[in-house]
Amino acid sequence: MRDKTQTNSAAPGDRLIRAGAIVFFVGAVATLVTVAPLLLGTTPFPTFIYGLSMLMGVGFLIAGAGVLQSVAAGRRQARAAAGR
């Protein structure tokens, strides 16, 4: 039987990691859409589409912040357990 506390609990930073992955994926799709006309020899997209490609970096930073938050929470938990 599963432990109910384990299925619904999210570790600190998990939401940031998931959000960062989604933003990164949107940026990756925008990058593919941006590069496709250059490879196919058609007219390129407007400039703001190139700006959407920057979401890959933003998503990476968001996910990195989530990882750091998760590491910090793990260290706090380890210190608390060692102090008992």
C-alpha atoms as a PDB file:
ATOM      1  CA  MET A   1       0.000   0.000   0.000  1.00  0.00           C
ATOM      2  CA  ARG A   2       1.290   3.457  -0.862  1.00  0.00           C
ATOM      3  CA  ASP A   3       2.085   6.111   1.673  1.00  0.00           C
ATOM      4  CA  LYS A   4      -0.431   8.923   1.113  1.00  0.00           C
ATOM      5  CA  THR A   5       1.944  11.635   2.313  1.00  0.00           C
ATOM      6  CA  GLN A   6       4.479  10.672  -0.339  1.00  0.00           C
ATOM      7  CA  THR A   7       2.124  10.844  -3.343  1.00  0.00           C
ATOM      8  CA  ASN A   8       0.833  14.388  -2.791  1.00  0.00           C
ATOM      9  CA  SER A   9       3.873  16.071  -1.299  1.00  0.00           C
ATOM     10  CA  ALA A  10       6.195  18.034  -3.545  1.00  0.00           C
ATOM     11  CA  ALA A  11       9.722  18.811  -2.471  1.00  0.00           C
ATOM     12  CA  PRO A  12      10.796  22.454  -2.366  1.00  0.00           C
ATOM     13  CA  GLY A  13      11.829  23.574  -5.823  1.00  0.00           C
ATOM     14  CA  ASP A  14       9.807  20.964  -7.736  1.00  0.00           C
ATOM     15  CA  ARG A  15       7.359  23.526  -9.081  1.00  0.00           C
ATOM     16  CA  LEU A  16      10.181  25.767 -10.257  1.00  0.00           C
ATOM     17  CA  ILE A  17      11.828  22.836 -12.017  1.00  0.00           C
ATOM     18  CA  ARG A  18       8.581  21.908 -13.762  1.00  0.00           C
ATOM     19  CA  ALA A  19       7.865  25.505 -14.760  1.00  0.00           C
ATOM     20  CA  GLY A  20      11.421  25.884 -16.034  1.00  0.00           C
ATOM     21  CA  ALA A  21      11.054  22.741 -18.120  1.00  0.00           C
ATOM     22  CA  ILE A  22       7.849  24.045 -19.687  1.00  0.00           C
ATOM     23  CA  VAL A  23       9.373  27.447 -20.464  1.00  0.00           C
ATOM     24  CA  PHE A  24      12.470  25.729 -21.884  1.00  0.00           C
ATOM     25  CA  PHE A  25      10.294  23.526 -24.100  1.00  0.00           C
ATOM     26  CA  VAL A  26       8.374  26.564 -25.430  1.00  0.00           C
ATOM     27  CA  GLY A  27      11.698  28.244 -26.195  1.00  0.00           C
ATOM     28  CA  ALA A  28      12.974  25.116 -27.937  1.00  0.00           C
ATOM     29  CA  VAL A  29       9.893  24.989 -30.150  1.00  0.00           C
ATOM     30  CA  ALA A  30      10.295  28.695 -30.936  1.00  0.00           C
ATOM     31  CA  THR A  31      13.922  28.048 -31.867  1.00  0.00           C
ATOM     32  CA  LEU A  32      12.928  25.254 -34.237  1.00  0.00           C
ATOM     33  CA  VAL A  33      10.263  27.462 -35.808  1.00  0.00           C
ATOM     34  CA  THR A  34      12.803  30.264 -36.181  1.00  0.00           C
ATOM     35  CA  VAL A  35      15.481  28.113 -37.783  1.00  0.00           C
ATOM     36  CA  ALA A  36      13.144  26.234 -40.166  1.00  0.00           C
ATOM     37  CA  PRO A  37      12.713  29.090 -42.698  1.00  0.00           C
ATOM     38  CA  LEU A  38      16.457  29.624 -42.782  1.00  0.00           C
ATOM     39  CA  LEU A  39      17.033  25.983 -43.684  1.00  0.00           C
ATOM     40  CA  LEU A  40      14.117  25.810 -46.115  1.00  0.00           C
ATOM     41  CA  GLY A  41      15.016  29.040 -47.929  1.00  0.00           C
ATOM     42  CA  THR A  42      11.697  30.765 -47.222  1.00  0.00           C
ATOM     43  CA  THR A  43      11.174  34.233 -45.791  1.00  0.00           C
ATOM     44  CA  PRO A  44      12.242  34.520 -42.140  1.00  0.00           C
ATOM     45  CA  PHE A  45       9.806  35.222 -39.338  1.00  0.00           C
ATOM     46  CA  PRO A  46       9.474  38.631 -37.642  1.00  0.00           C
ATOM     47  CA  THR A  47      12.049  39.671 -35.048  1.00  0.00           C
ATOM     48  CA  PHE A  48       9.879  39.014 -32.002  1.00  0.00           C
ATOM     49  CA  ILE A  49       9.904  35.301 -32.818  1.00  0.00           C
ATOM     50  CA  TYR A  50      13.674  35.363 -32.354  1.00  0.00           C
ATOM     51  CA  GLY A  51      13.042  36.859 -28.917  1.00  0.00           C
ATOM     52  CA  LEU A  52      10.884  33.860 -28.017  1.00  0.00           C
ATOM     53  CA  SER A  53      13.936  31.691 -28.573  1.00  0.00           C
ATOM     54  CA  MET A  54      15.436  33.324 -25.504  1.00  0.00           C
ATOM     55  CA  LEU A  55      12.879  31.438 -23.421  1.00  0.00           C
ATOM     56  CA  MET A  56      15.213  28.445 -23.553  1.00  0.00           C
ATOM     57  CA  GLY A  57      17.724  30.315 -21.415  1.00  0.00           C
ATOM     58  CA  VAL A  58      15.041  31.695 -19.128  1.00  0.00           C
ATOM     59  CA  GLY A  59      13.600  28.220 -18.598  1.00  0.00           C
ATOM     60  CA  PHE A  60      17.065  26.882 -17.846  1.00  0.00           C
ATOM     61  CA  LEU A  61      17.574  29.582 -15.213  1.00  0.00           C
ATOM     62  CA  ILE A  62      14.165  28.923 -13.629  1.00  0.00           C
ATOM     63  CA  ALA A  63      14.874  25.200 -13.429  1.00  0.00           C
ATOM     64  CA  GLY A  64      18.334  25.915 -12.018  1.00  0.00           C
ATOM     65  CA  ALA A  65      16.780  28.069  -9.301  1.00  0.00           C
ATOM     66  CA  GLY A  66      14.463  25.177  -8.453  1.00  0.00           C
ATOM     67  CA  VAL A  67      17.403  22.787  -8.197  1.00  0.00           C
ATOM     68  CA  LEU A  68      19.248  25.195  -5.900  1.00  0.00           C
ATOM     69  CA  GLN A  69      16.141  25.582  -3.752  1.00  0.00           C
ATOM     70  CA  SER A  70      15.813  21.807  -3.537  1.00  0.00           C
ATOM     71  CA  VAL A  71      19.481  21.424  -2.558  1.00  0.00           C
ATOM     72  CA  ALA A  72      19.139  24.091   0.124  1.00  0.00           C
ATOM     73  CA  ALA A  73      16.057  22.388   1.561  1.00  0.00           C
ATOM     74  CA  GLY A  74      17.895  19.061   1.604  1.00  0.00           C
ATOM     75  CA  ARG A  75      20.801  20.606   3.481  1.00  0.00           C
ATOM     76  CA  ARG A  76      18.463  22.191   6.018  1.00  0.00           C
ATOM     77  CA  GLN A  77      16.758  18.859   6.525  1.00  0.00           C
ATOM     78  CA  ALA A  78      20.082  17.062   6.949  1.00  0.00           C
ATOM     79  CA  ARG A  79      21.231  19.642   9.516  1.00  0.00           C
ATOM     80  CA  ALA A  80      17.973  19.272  11.421  1.00  0.00           C
ATOM     81  CA  ALA A  81      18.296  15.478  11.434  1.00  0.00           C
ATOM     82  CA  ALA A  82      21.945  15.648  12.568  1.00  0.00           C
ATOM     83  CA  GLY A  83      21.063  18.033  15.387  1.00  0.00           C
ATOM     84  CA  ARG A  84      18.617  15.625  17.024  1.00  0.00           C
END
